[in-house]
């Protein structure tokens, strides 16, 4: 049996710097793109903090790191708590701590506020941080990540969203068995996960093959599979506990900051209706469907998504 990958295996060489950032009592691995030689110091540029989704790590933002830095922003992608080369403590995989981690990262990186950009579970971090730590958030962009109250409602009431979401979500609740499913056969499940949820166009590329290989390896880092599942277990189990009820009660607040929602038109996991209905929770809401992409629009159509993100950042700058 091959040895499990070392956490440092996600520190790929490239036009970026690897950082170790302490926030909220945890060490996070973060990646910052190299800026143009003529650019101002990184702390002087507006921060765009990039937060990945389930079963991934910072690599999912490789395109946006370069594109947003070239546009004049400080782009930093993070391995969430429990993923990649970040610490993997036994606790803290809940909405409260996720928001606290994100707020702490903004400040530990030397900023008072940031635009948060998140995919899937990373989108939950965006919604939660904007609500619980509003001073730290200038705007958010969420990719295939409806507002948590909308997603809960639609899973219960909408047959399409329930059938696409609930199967894997419930299977992830089973201790040990779900961890084995993620890691066995060298992380083969992650390959199936990407194949089922991405558009066909991306699957024909070398970028797709390389990305799947990297994510299959990263999920086998000791502790990563368990930690990734703990986020989803909290979402389910907390619905029946006071902490989850209070969290959802606090989410019942309309955001006044700009919110960009992006969804691949061919996403089989999150419905168009769920993303669109999230407008109820933001007074400045912009929904942009991306044709020709599935659940991973920022990787499948990176140029289009980076353009939308750049427009959001510029809009936020103009209105500050």
C-alpha atoms as a PDB file:
ATOM      1  CA  UNK A   1       0.000   0.000   0.000  1.00  0.00           C
ATOM      2  CA  UNK A   2       1.388   3.407  -0.978  1.00  0.00           C
ATOM      3  CA  UNK A   3       2.062   5.916   1.768  1.00  0.00           C
ATOM      4  CA  UNK A   4      -0.542   8.644   2.259  1.00  0.00           C
ATOM      5  CA  UNK A   5       0.385  12.006   0.707  1.00  0.00           C
ATOM      6  CA  UNK A   6       2.075  14.513   2.986  1.00  0.00           C
ATOM      7  CA  UNK A   7       0.116  17.738   3.612  1.00  0.00           C
ATOM      8  CA  UNK A   8       2.951  19.705   2.005  1.00  0.00           C
ATOM      9  CA  UNK A   9       2.250  17.896  -1.282  1.00  0.00           C
ATOM     10  CA  UNK A  10      -0.308  20.605  -2.135  1.00  0.00           C
ATOM     11  CA  UNK A  11       2.409  23.291  -2.176  1.00  0.00           C
ATOM     12  CA  UNK A  12       2.878  23.255  -5.932  1.00  0.00           C
ATOM     13  CA  UNK A  13       5.470  25.485  -7.566  1.00  0.00           C
ATOM     14  CA  UNK A  14       4.117  28.275  -9.709  1.00  0.00           C
ATOM     15  CA  UNK A  15       3.723  32.044 -10.023  1.00  0.00           C
ATOM     16  CA  UNK A  16       2.568  32.310  -6.417  1.00  0.00           C
ATOM     17  CA  UNK A  17       3.792  32.295  -2.818  1.00  0.00           C
ATOM     18  CA  UNK A  18       2.799  29.816  -0.131  1.00  0.00           C
ATOM     19  CA  UNK A  19       1.937  31.383   3.210  1.00  0.00           C
ATOM     20  CA  UNK A  20       1.273  30.044   6.700  1.00  0.00           C
ATOM     21  CA  UNK A  21      -1.327  32.256   8.341  1.00  0.00           C
ATOM     22  CA  UNK A  22      -2.536  31.908  11.921  1.00  0.00           C
ATOM     23  CA  UNK A  23      -6.160  32.876  12.463  1.00  0.00           C
ATOM     24  CA  UNK A  24      -8.830  31.909  14.990  1.00  0.00           C
ATOM     25  CA  UNK A  25      -6.340  29.618  16.743  1.00  0.00           C
ATOM     26  CA  UNK A  26      -5.483  27.567  13.638  1.00  0.00           C
ATOM     27  CA  UNK A  27      -2.662  27.600  11.075  1.00  0.00           C
ATOM     28  CA  UNK A  28      -3.958  27.997   7.534  1.00  0.00           C
ATOM     29  CA  UNK A  29      -2.099  27.307   4.328  1.00  0.00           C
ATOM     30  CA  UNK A  30      -2.760  30.170   1.913  1.00  0.00           C
ATOM     31  CA  UNK A  31      -1.521  30.944  -1.588  1.00  0.00           C
ATOM     32  CA  UNK A  32      -0.974  34.441  -2.955  1.00  0.00           C
ATOM     33  CA  UNK A  33      -0.283  35.101  -6.602  1.00  0.00           C
ATOM     34  CA  UNK A  34       2.851  37.022  -7.521  1.00  0.00           C
ATOM     35  CA  UNK A  35       1.877  40.578  -8.393  1.00  0.00           C
ATOM     36  CA  UNK A  36       3.209  42.605 -11.336  1.00  0.00           C
ATOM     37  CA  UNK A  37       6.573  44.154 -10.568  1.00  0.00           C
ATOM     38  CA  UNK A  38       5.033  47.608 -10.886  1.00  0.00           C
ATOM     39  CA  UNK A  39       2.157  46.893  -8.490  1.00  0.00           C
ATOM     40  CA  UNK A  40       1.787  48.419  -5.050  1.00  0.00           C
ATOM     41  CA  UNK A  41       2.528  46.361  -1.913  1.00  0.00           C
ATOM     42  CA  UNK A  42       0.023  43.561  -1.434  1.00  0.00           C
ATOM     43  CA  UNK A  43      -1.426  45.037   1.767  1.00  0.00           C
ATOM     44  CA  UNK A  44      -2.297  48.226  -0.153  1.00  0.00           C
ATOM     45  CA  UNK A  45      -4.400  46.377  -2.732  1.00  0.00           C
ATOM     46  CA  UNK A  46      -8.020  45.357  -1.993  1.00  0.00           C
ATOM     47  CA  UNK A  47      -8.165  41.767  -0.778  1.00  0.00           C
ATOM     48  CA  UNK A  48     -10.067  39.045  -2.633  1.00  0.00           C
ATOM     49  CA  UNK A  49     -10.186  35.955  -0.403  1.00  0.00           C
ATOM     50  CA  UNK A  50     -10.934  32.735  -2.304  1.00  0.00           C
ATOM     51  CA  UNK A  51     -12.624  29.825  -0.471  1.00  0.00           C
ATOM     52  CA  UNK A  52     -12.933  26.384  -2.073  1.00  0.00           C
ATOM     53  CA  UNK A  53     -15.713  23.812  -1.927  1.00  0.00           C
ATOM     54  CA  UNK A  54     -16.169  20.240  -0.725  1.00  0.00           C
ATOM     55  CA  UNK A  55     -13.442  17.737  -1.581  1.00  0.00           C
ATOM     56  CA  UNK A  56     -11.101  20.370  -3.037  1.00  0.00           C
ATOM     57  CA  UNK A  57      -8.342  22.726  -1.852  1.00  0.00           C
ATOM     58  CA  UNK A  58      -6.768  26.023  -2.900  1.00  0.00           C
ATOM     59  CA  UNK A  59      -5.903  24.706  -6.382  1.00  0.00           C
ATOM     60  CA  UNK A  60      -9.479  25.239  -7.559  1.00  0.00           C
ATOM     61  CA  UNK A  61      -8.735  28.997  -7.706  1.00  0.00           C
ATOM     62  CA  UNK A  62      -5.498  28.804  -9.746  1.00  0.00           C
ATOM     63  CA  UNK A  63      -7.030  30.746 -12.651  1.00  0.00           C
ATOM     64  CA  UNK A  64      -8.582  33.473 -10.515  1.00  0.00           C
ATOM     65  CA  UNK A  65      -5.370  33.942  -8.504  1.00  0.00           C
ATOM     66  CA  UNK A  66      -3.613  35.064 -11.658  1.00  0.00           C
ATOM     67  CA  UNK A  67      -6.526  36.941 -13.238  1.00  0.00           C
ATOM     68  CA  UNK A  68      -7.525  39.004 -10.202  1.00  0.00           C
ATOM     69  CA  UNK A  69      -3.923  39.826  -9.336  1.00  0.00           C
ATOM     70  CA  UNK A  70      -3.354  41.036 -12.892  1.00  0.00           C
ATOM     71  CA  UNK A  71      -6.444  43.241 -12.477  1.00  0.00           C
ATOM     72  CA  UNK A  72      -4.804  44.961  -9.502  1.00  0.00           C
ATOM     73  CA  UNK A  73      -6.191  43.101  -6.516  1.00  0.00           C
ATOM     74  CA  UNK A  74      -4.568  41.018  -3.812  1.00  0.00           C
ATOM     75  CA  UNK A  75      -5.869  37.510  -4.514  1.00  0.00           C
ATOM     76  CA  UNK A  76      -5.351  34.898  -1.799  1.00  0.00           C
ATOM     77  CA  UNK A  77      -6.691  31.327  -1.924  1.00  0.00           C
ATOM     78  CA  UNK A  78      -6.908  29.307   1.282  1.00  0.00           C
ATOM     79  CA  UNK A  79      -7.075  25.657   2.260  1.00  0.00           C
ATOM     80  CA  UNK A  80     -10.068  25.654   4.597  1.00  0.00           C
ATOM     81  CA  UNK A  81      -9.702  24.238   8.113  1.00  0.00           C
ATOM     82  CA  UNK A  82      -9.129  20.505   7.724  1.00  0.00           C
ATOM     83  CA  UNK A  83      -8.056  20.578   4.083  1.00  0.00           C
ATOM     84  CA  UNK A  84      -4.756  20.478   2.220  1.00  0.00           C
ATOM     85  CA  UNK A  85      -1.867  21.791   4.309  1.00  0.00           C
ATOM     86  CA  UNK A  86      -4.024  23.661   6.831  1.00  0.00           C
ATOM     87  CA  UNK A  87      -4.348  22.374  10.384  1.00  0.00           C
ATOM     88  CA  UNK A  88      -6.854  19.596  11.037  1.00  0.00           C
ATOM     89  CA  UNK A  89      -8.110  20.065  14.588  1.00  0.00           C
ATOM     90  CA  UNK A  90     -10.808  17.722  15.906  1.00  0.00           C
ATOM     91  CA  UNK A  91     -13.459  20.454  16.132  1.00  0.00           C
ATOM     92  CA  UNK A  92     -14.581  23.638  14.420  1.00  0.00           C
ATOM     93  CA  UNK A  93     -16.374  22.352  11.311  1.00  0.00           C
ATOM     94  CA  UNK A  94     -19.505  24.424  11.791  1.00  0.00           C
ATOM     95  CA  UNK A  95     -20.966  27.612  10.369  1.00  0.00           C
ATOM     96  CA  UNK A  96     -19.990  29.704  13.362  1.00  0.00           C
ATOM     97  CA  UNK A  97     -16.327  28.686  13.269  1.00  0.00           C
ATOM     98  CA  UNK A  98     -16.201  28.829   9.467  1.00  0.00           C
ATOM     99  CA  UNK A  99     -17.242  32.481   9.662  1.00  0.00           C
ATOM    100  CA  UNK A 100     -14.775  33.110  12.499  1.00  0.00           C
ATOM    101  CA  UNK A 101     -11.961  31.520  10.496  1.00  0.00           C
ATOM    102  CA  UNK A 102     -12.743  33.701   7.493  1.00  0.00           C
ATOM    103  CA  UNK A 103     -12.977  36.882   9.547  1.00  0.00           C
ATOM    104  CA  UNK A 104      -9.702  35.994  11.255  1.00  0.00           C
ATOM    105  CA  UNK A 105      -7.966  35.340   7.939  1.00  0.00           C
ATOM    106  CA  UNK A 106      -8.920  38.776   6.619  1.00  0.00           C
ATOM    107  CA  UNK A 107      -7.339  40.414   9.651  1.00  0.00           C
ATOM    108  CA  UNK A 108      -4.319  38.099   9.809  1.00  0.00           C
ATOM    109  CA  UNK A 109      -3.549  38.998   6.193  1.00  0.00           C
ATOM    110  CA  UNK A 110      -3.325  42.651   7.264  1.00  0.00           C
ATOM    111  CA  UNK A 111      -6.710  43.910   6.074  1.00  0.00           C
ATOM    112  CA  UNK A 112      -9.834  45.202   7.795  1.00  0.00           C
ATOM    113  CA  UNK A 113     -12.186  43.955   5.075  1.00  0.00           C
ATOM    114  CA  UNK A 114     -12.246  41.868   1.910  1.00  0.00           C
ATOM    115  CA  UNK A 115     -14.378  40.661  -0.940  1.00  0.00           C
ATOM    116  CA  UNK A 116     -15.111  36.997  -0.236  1.00  0.00           C
ATOM    117  CA  UNK A 117     -15.395  34.550  -3.128  1.00  0.00           C
ATOM    118  CA  UNK A 118     -16.582  31.031  -2.407  1.00  0.00           C
ATOM    119  CA  UNK A 119     -17.655  27.865  -4.189  1.00  0.00           C
ATOM    120  CA  UNK A 120     -20.148  25.408  -2.633  1.00  0.00           C
ATOM    121  CA  UNK A 121     -19.093  25.022   1.037  1.00  0.00           C
ATOM    122  CA  UNK A 122     -16.857  28.050   0.546  1.00  0.00           C
ATOM    123  CA  UNK A 123     -19.991  29.957  -0.416  1.00  0.00           C
ATOM    124  CA  UNK A 124     -21.512  29.074   2.958  1.00  0.00           C
ATOM    125  CA  UNK A 125     -18.458  30.738   4.508  1.00  0.00           C
ATOM    126  CA  UNK A 126     -19.211  33.864   2.453  1.00  0.00           C
ATOM    127  CA  UNK A 127     -22.886  34.062   3.460  1.00  0.00           C
ATOM    128  CA  UNK A 128     -22.100  33.330   7.115  1.00  0.00           C
ATOM    129  CA  UNK A 129     -19.181  35.754   7.433  1.00  0.00           C
ATOM    130  CA  UNK A 130     -21.102  38.572   5.740  1.00  0.00           C
ATOM    131  CA  UNK A 131     -23.917  38.080   8.264  1.00  0.00           C
ATOM    132  CA  UNK A 132     -21.955  37.377  11.452  1.00  0.00           C
ATOM    133  CA  UNK A 133     -18.929  39.640  10.795  1.00  0.00           C
ATOM    134  CA  UNK A 134     -20.298  42.345   8.485  1.00  0.00           C
ATOM    135  CA  UNK A 135     -17.457  44.836   9.027  1.00  0.00           C
ATOM    136  CA  UNK A 136     -14.996  42.367   7.507  1.00  0.00           C
ATOM    137  CA  UNK A 137     -16.893  41.933   4.227  1.00  0.00           C
ATOM    138  CA  UNK A 138     -17.148  44.423   1.360  1.00  0.00           C
ATOM    139  CA  UNK A 139     -18.928  42.099  -1.071  1.00  0.00           C
ATOM    140  CA  UNK A 140     -19.365  38.400  -1.726  1.00  0.00           C
ATOM    141  CA  UNK A 141     -19.395  36.191  -4.808  1.00  0.00           C
ATOM    142  CA  UNK A 142     -20.852  32.693  -4.468  1.00  0.00           C
ATOM    143  CA  UNK A 143     -20.566  29.953  -7.076  1.00  0.00           C
ATOM    144  CA  UNK A 144     -23.203  27.201  -6.977  1.00  0.00           C
ATOM    145  CA  UNK A 145     -23.915  28.136  -3.371  1.00  0.00           C
ATOM    146  CA  UNK A 146     -27.428  29.350  -2.540  1.00  0.00           C
ATOM    147  CA  UNK A 147     -28.193  31.189   0.665  1.00  0.00           C
ATOM    148  CA  UNK A 148     -28.319  28.536   3.446  1.00  0.00           C
ATOM    149  CA  UNK A 149     -31.950  29.286   4.296  1.00  0.00           C
ATOM    150  CA  UNK A 150     -32.957  28.934   0.658  1.00  0.00           C
ATOM    151  CA  UNK A 151     -31.072  25.658   0.226  1.00  0.00           C
ATOM    152  CA  UNK A 152     -32.663  24.176   3.348  1.00  0.00           C
ATOM    153  CA  UNK A 153     -36.140  25.234   2.211  1.00  0.00           C
ATOM    154  CA  UNK A 154     -35.686  23.933  -1.327  1.00  0.00           C
ATOM    155  CA  UNK A 155     -34.272  20.579  -0.207  1.00  0.00           C
ATOM    156  CA  UNK A 156     -37.447  20.135   1.835  1.00  0.00           C
ATOM    157  CA  UNK A 157     -39.967  21.521  -0.660  1.00  0.00           C
ATOM    158  CA  UNK A 158     -38.540  21.286  -4.184  1.00  0.00           C
ATOM    159  CA  UNK A 159     -38.384  17.788  -5.672  1.00  0.00           C
ATOM    160  CA  UNK A 160     -35.598  18.608  -8.155  1.00  0.00           C
ATOM    161  CA  UNK A 161     -33.296  20.169  -5.563  1.00  0.00           C
ATOM    162  CA  UNK A 162     -34.056  17.419  -3.068  1.00  0.00           C
ATOM    163  CA  UNK A 163     -33.288  14.582  -5.491  1.00  0.00           C
ATOM    164  CA  UNK A 164     -30.025  16.132  -6.707  1.00  0.00           C
ATOM    165  CA  UNK A 165     -28.738  17.156  -3.279  1.00  0.00           C
ATOM    166  CA  UNK A 166     -29.940  14.691  -0.697  1.00  0.00           C
ATOM    167  CA  UNK A 167     -28.443  11.350  -1.787  1.00  0.00           C
ATOM    168  CA  UNK A 168     -24.739  12.121  -1.404  1.00  0.00           C
ATOM    169  CA  UNK A 169     -25.432  14.501   1.460  1.00  0.00           C
ATOM    170  CA  UNK A 170     -27.090  11.777   3.531  1.00  0.00           C
ATOM    171  CA  UNK A 171     -24.469   9.161   2.667  1.00  0.00           C
ATOM    172  CA  UNK A 172     -21.814  11.550   3.983  1.00  0.00           C
ATOM    173  CA  UNK A 173     -23.391  11.346   7.444  1.00  0.00           C
ATOM    174  CA  UNK A 174     -22.287   7.732   8.057  1.00  0.00           C
ATOM    175  CA  UNK A 175     -19.121   7.710  10.220  1.00  0.00           C
ATOM    176  CA  UNK A 176     -16.043   5.875   8.926  1.00  0.00           C
ATOM    177  CA  UNK A 177     -17.883   4.412   5.945  1.00  0.00           C
ATOM    178  CA  UNK A 178     -18.036   7.808   4.218  1.00  0.00           C
ATOM    179  CA  UNK A 179     -14.349   8.427   4.940  1.00  0.00           C
ATOM    180  CA  UNK A 180     -13.438   5.088   3.371  1.00  0.00           C
ATOM    181  CA  UNK A 181     -15.573   5.875   0.348  1.00  0.00           C
ATOM    182  CA  UNK A 182     -13.649   9.114  -0.253  1.00  0.00           C
ATOM    183  CA  UNK A 183     -10.166   7.654   0.122  1.00  0.00           C
ATOM    184  CA  UNK A 184     -10.306   4.066  -1.199  1.00  0.00           C
ATOM    185  CA  UNK A 185      -8.789   3.205  -4.577  1.00  0.00           C
ATOM    186  CA  UNK A 186      -6.557   6.288  -4.415  1.00  0.00           C
ATOM    187  CA  UNK A 187      -9.452   8.702  -4.076  1.00  0.00           C
ATOM    188  CA  UNK A 188     -11.418   7.305  -7.019  1.00  0.00           C
ATOM    189  CA  UNK A 189     -14.650   8.749  -5.621  1.00  0.00           C
ATOM    190  CA  UNK A 190     -13.318  12.267  -6.196  1.00  0.00           C
ATOM    191  CA  UNK A 191     -12.870  11.413  -9.876  1.00  0.00           C
ATOM    192  CA  UNK A 192     -16.486  10.241 -10.017  1.00  0.00           C
ATOM    193  CA  UNK A 193     -17.596  13.367  -8.164  1.00  0.00           C
ATOM    194  CA  UNK A 194     -15.965  15.657 -10.729  1.00  0.00           C
ATOM    195  CA  UNK A 195     -17.229  13.604 -13.668  1.00  0.00           C
ATOM    196  CA  UNK A 196     -20.836  13.633 -12.440  1.00  0.00           C
ATOM    197  CA  UNK A 197     -20.981  17.353 -11.695  1.00  0.00           C
ATOM    198  CA  UNK A 198     -18.858  19.033 -14.371  1.00  0.00           C
ATOM    199  CA  UNK A 199     -19.764  19.881 -17.945  1.00  0.00           C
ATOM    200  CA  UNK A 200     -18.600  17.599 -20.723  1.00  0.00           C
ATOM    201  CA  UNK A 201     -16.457  20.252 -22.409  1.00  0.00           C
ATOM    202  CA  UNK A 202     -14.021  20.553 -19.525  1.00  0.00           C
ATOM    203  CA  UNK A 203     -13.701  16.783 -19.162  1.00  0.00           C
ATOM    204  CA  UNK A 204     -11.958  16.586 -22.534  1.00  0.00           C
ATOM    205  CA  UNK A 205      -9.043  18.783 -21.402  1.00  0.00           C
ATOM    206  CA  UNK A 206      -5.644  18.202 -19.827  1.00  0.00           C
ATOM    207  CA  UNK A 207      -6.575  20.780 -17.196  1.00  0.00           C
ATOM    208  CA  UNK A 208      -9.449  18.559 -16.048  1.00  0.00           C
ATOM    209  CA  UNK A 209      -7.294  15.432 -15.866  1.00  0.00           C
ATOM    210  CA  UNK A 210      -4.608  17.258 -13.893  1.00  0.00           C
ATOM    211  CA  UNK A 211      -7.164  18.821 -11.536  1.00  0.00           C
ATOM    212  CA  UNK A 212      -8.851  15.500 -10.784  1.00  0.00           C
ATOM    213  CA  UNK A 213      -5.478  13.867 -10.112  1.00  0.00           C
ATOM    214  CA  UNK A 214      -4.489  16.637  -7.708  1.00  0.00           C
ATOM    215  CA  UNK A 215      -7.799  16.468  -5.838  1.00  0.00           C
ATOM    216  CA  UNK A 216      -7.692  12.672  -5.617  1.00  0.00           C
ATOM    217  CA  UNK A 217      -4.297  12.967  -3.984  1.00  0.00           C
ATOM    218  CA  UNK A 218      -5.294  15.802  -1.644  1.00  0.00           C
ATOM    219  CA  UNK A 219      -8.314  13.947  -0.219  1.00  0.00           C
ATOM    220  CA  UNK A 220      -5.939  11.152   0.868  1.00  0.00           C
ATOM    221  CA  UNK A 221      -3.901  13.476   3.097  1.00  0.00           C
ATOM    222  CA  UNK A 222      -4.395  12.098   6.608  1.00  0.00           C
ATOM    223  CA  UNK A 223      -7.451  13.681   8.193  1.00  0.00           C
ATOM    224  CA  UNK A 224      -8.648  15.549   5.091  1.00  0.00           C
ATOM    225  CA  UNK A 225     -11.518  13.213   4.206  1.00  0.00           C
ATOM    226  CA  UNK A 226     -12.847  13.187   7.765  1.00  0.00           C
ATOM    227  CA  UNK A 227     -12.630  16.966   8.137  1.00  0.00           C
ATOM    228  CA  UNK A 228     -14.312  17.633   4.788  1.00  0.00           C
ATOM    229  CA  UNK A 229     -17.227  15.424   5.851  1.00  0.00           C
ATOM    230  CA  UNK A 230     -17.532  17.084   9.247  1.00  0.00           C
ATOM    231  CA  UNK A 231     -18.720  20.323   7.615  1.00  0.00           C
ATOM    232  CA  UNK A 232     -21.577  18.460   5.926  1.00  0.00           C
ATOM    233  CA  UNK A 233     -22.379  16.516   9.079  1.00  0.00           C
ATOM    234  CA  UNK A 234     -22.737  19.741  11.031  1.00  0.00           C
ATOM    235  CA  UNK A 235     -25.130  21.166   8.429  1.00  0.00           C
ATOM    236  CA  UNK A 236     -27.377  18.118   8.822  1.00  0.00           C
ATOM    237  CA  UNK A 237     -27.126  17.397  12.534  1.00  0.00           C
ATOM    238  CA  UNK A 238     -27.313  21.012  13.699  1.00  0.00           C
ATOM    239  CA  UNK A 239     -30.817  21.356  12.253  1.00  0.00           C
ATOM    240  CA  UNK A 240     -32.017  19.474  15.341  1.00  0.00           C
ATOM    241  CA  UNK A 241     -29.847  21.292  17.903  1.00  0.00           C
ATOM    242  CA  UNK A 242     -30.012  24.783  19.457  1.00  0.00           C
ATOM    243  CA  UNK A 243     -26.752  25.895  17.775  1.00  0.00           C
ATOM    244  CA  UNK A 244     -28.127  25.134  14.309  1.00  0.00           C
ATOM    245  CA  UNK A 245     -31.502  26.736  15.019  1.00  0.00           C
ATOM    246  CA  UNK A 246     -29.790  29.893  16.247  1.00  0.00           C
ATOM    247  CA  UNK A 247     -27.433  29.920  13.263  1.00  0.00           C
ATOM    248  CA  UNK A 248     -30.340  29.757  10.823  1.00  0.00           C
ATOM    249  CA  UNK A 249     -32.212  32.412  12.798  1.00  0.00           C
ATOM    250  CA  UNK A 250     -29.231  34.761  12.462  1.00  0.00           C
ATOM    251  CA  UNK A 251     -29.029  34.016   8.735  1.00  0.00           C
ATOM    252  CA  UNK A 252     -32.502  35.563   8.448  1.00  0.00           C
ATOM    253  CA  UNK A 253     -30.999  38.935   7.645  1.00  0.00           C
ATOM    254  CA  UNK A 254     -30.885  40.649   4.277  1.00  0.00           C
ATOM    255  CA  UNK A 255     -27.398  41.710   3.210  1.00  0.00           C
ATOM    256  CA  UNK A 256     -26.880  45.253   1.939  1.00  0.00           C
ATOM    257  CA  UNK A 257     -23.464  44.609   0.338  1.00  0.00           C
ATOM    258  CA  UNK A 258     -23.114  43.556  -3.321  1.00  0.00           C
ATOM    259  CA  UNK A 259     -23.728  39.842  -3.872  1.00  0.00           C
ATOM    260  CA  UNK A 260     -22.751  38.115  -7.113  1.00  0.00           C
ATOM    261  CA  UNK A 261     -24.238  34.649  -7.607  1.00  0.00           C
ATOM    262  CA  UNK A 262     -22.814  32.403 -10.338  1.00  0.00           C
ATOM    263  CA  UNK A 263     -24.040  28.982 -11.452  1.00  0.00           C
ATOM    264  CA  UNK A 264     -23.074  26.778 -14.357  1.00  0.00           C
ATOM    265  CA  UNK A 265     -26.165  26.233 -16.501  1.00  0.00           C
ATOM    266  CA  UNK A 266     -25.440  22.493 -16.602  1.00  0.00           C
ATOM    267  CA  UNK A 267     -24.883  22.121 -12.846  1.00  0.00           C
ATOM    268  CA  UNK A 268     -26.754  18.914 -11.893  1.00  0.00           C
ATOM    269  CA  UNK A 269     -26.371  19.511  -8.152  1.00  0.00           C
ATOM    270  CA  UNK A 270     -27.640  23.031  -7.417  1.00  0.00           C
ATOM    271  CA  UNK A 271     -30.755  24.223  -9.235  1.00  0.00           C
ATOM    272  CA  UNK A 272     -31.261  27.501 -11.031  1.00  0.00           C
ATOM    273  CA  UNK A 273     -34.284  28.187  -8.831  1.00  0.00           C
ATOM    274  CA  UNK A 274     -32.309  27.851  -5.590  1.00  0.00           C
ATOM    275  CA  UNK A 275     -29.621  30.272  -6.718  1.00  0.00           C
ATOM    276  CA  UNK A 276     -32.122  32.775  -8.090  1.00  0.00           C
ATOM    277  CA  UNK A 277     -34.254  32.655  -4.948  1.00  0.00           C
ATOM    278  CA  UNK A 278     -31.240  33.746  -2.895  1.00  0.00           C
ATOM    279  CA  UNK A 279     -31.991  37.285  -4.105  1.00  0.00           C
ATOM    280  CA  UNK A 280     -34.445  37.423  -1.205  1.00  0.00           C
ATOM    281  CA  UNK A 281     -31.482  37.772   1.158  1.00  0.00           C
ATOM    282  CA  UNK A 282     -29.518  40.517  -0.643  1.00  0.00           C
ATOM    283  CA  UNK A 283     -30.685  43.975  -1.672  1.00  0.00           C
ATOM    284  CA  UNK A 284     -27.890  44.270  -4.278  1.00  0.00           C
ATOM    285  CA  UNK A 285     -28.045  40.844  -5.959  1.00  0.00           C
ATOM    286  CA  UNK A 286     -26.662  39.945  -9.387  1.00  0.00           C
ATOM    287  CA  UNK A 287     -27.252  36.418 -10.726  1.00  0.00           C
ATOM    288  CA  UNK A 288     -25.142  35.278 -13.681  1.00  0.00           C
ATOM    289  CA  UNK A 289     -25.686  31.810 -15.218  1.00  0.00           C
ATOM    290  CA  UNK A 290     -22.647  30.475 -17.113  1.00  0.00           C
ATOM    291  CA  UNK A 291     -23.519  28.439 -20.229  1.00  0.00           C
ATOM    292  CA  UNK A 292     -21.391  25.409 -21.051  1.00  0.00           C
ATOM    293  CA  UNK A 293     -20.368  24.657 -17.460  1.00  0.00           C
ATOM    294  CA  UNK A 294     -21.495  22.523 -14.563  1.00  0.00           C
ATOM    295  CA  UNK A 295     -20.852  22.694 -10.840  1.00  0.00           C
ATOM    296  CA  UNK A 296     -17.290  24.038 -11.166  1.00  0.00           C
ATOM    297  CA  UNK A 297     -17.900  27.125 -13.310  1.00  0.00           C
ATOM    298  CA  UNK A 298     -14.787  28.934 -12.037  1.00  0.00           C
ATOM    299  CA  UNK A 299     -12.637  26.066 -13.340  1.00  0.00           C
ATOM    300  CA  UNK A 300     -14.673  25.118 -16.402  1.00  0.00           C
ATOM    301  CA  UNK A 301     -15.089  28.677 -17.756  1.00  0.00           C
ATOM    302  CA  UNK A 302     -12.368  30.527 -15.835  1.00  0.00           C
ATOM    303  CA  UNK A 303     -12.102  33.556 -18.093  1.00  0.00           C
ATOM    304  CA  UNK A 304     -15.809  34.342 -17.927  1.00  0.00           C
ATOM    305  CA  UNK A 305     -15.967  33.891 -14.165  1.00  0.00           C
ATOM    306  CA  UNK A 306     -12.807  35.948 -13.576  1.00  0.00           C
ATOM    307  CA  UNK A 307     -14.324  38.772 -15.659  1.00  0.00           C
ATOM    308  CA  UNK A 308     -17.463  38.754 -13.499  1.00  0.00           C
ATOM    309  CA  UNK A 309     -15.388  38.738 -10.325  1.00  0.00           C
ATOM    310  CA  UNK A 310     -13.238  41.600 -11.592  1.00  0.00           C
ATOM    311  CA  UNK A 311     -16.381  43.591 -12.375  1.00  0.00           C
ATOM    312  CA  UNK A 312     -17.684  42.963  -8.855  1.00  0.00           C
ATOM    313  CA  UNK A 313     -14.427  44.130  -7.302  1.00  0.00           C
ATOM    314  CA  UNK A 314     -14.378  47.254  -9.463  1.00  0.00           C
ATOM    315  CA  UNK A 315     -18.030  47.984  -8.613  1.00  0.00           C
ATOM    316  CA  UNK A 316     -17.251  47.634  -4.925  1.00  0.00           C
ATOM    317  CA  UNK A 317     -14.242  49.959  -5.222  1.00  0.00           C
ATOM    318  CA  UNK A 318     -16.328  52.637  -6.943  1.00  0.00           C
ATOM    319  CA  UNK A 319     -18.984  52.549  -4.241  1.00  0.00           C
ATOM    320  CA  UNK A 320     -16.674  52.625  -1.212  1.00  0.00           C
END
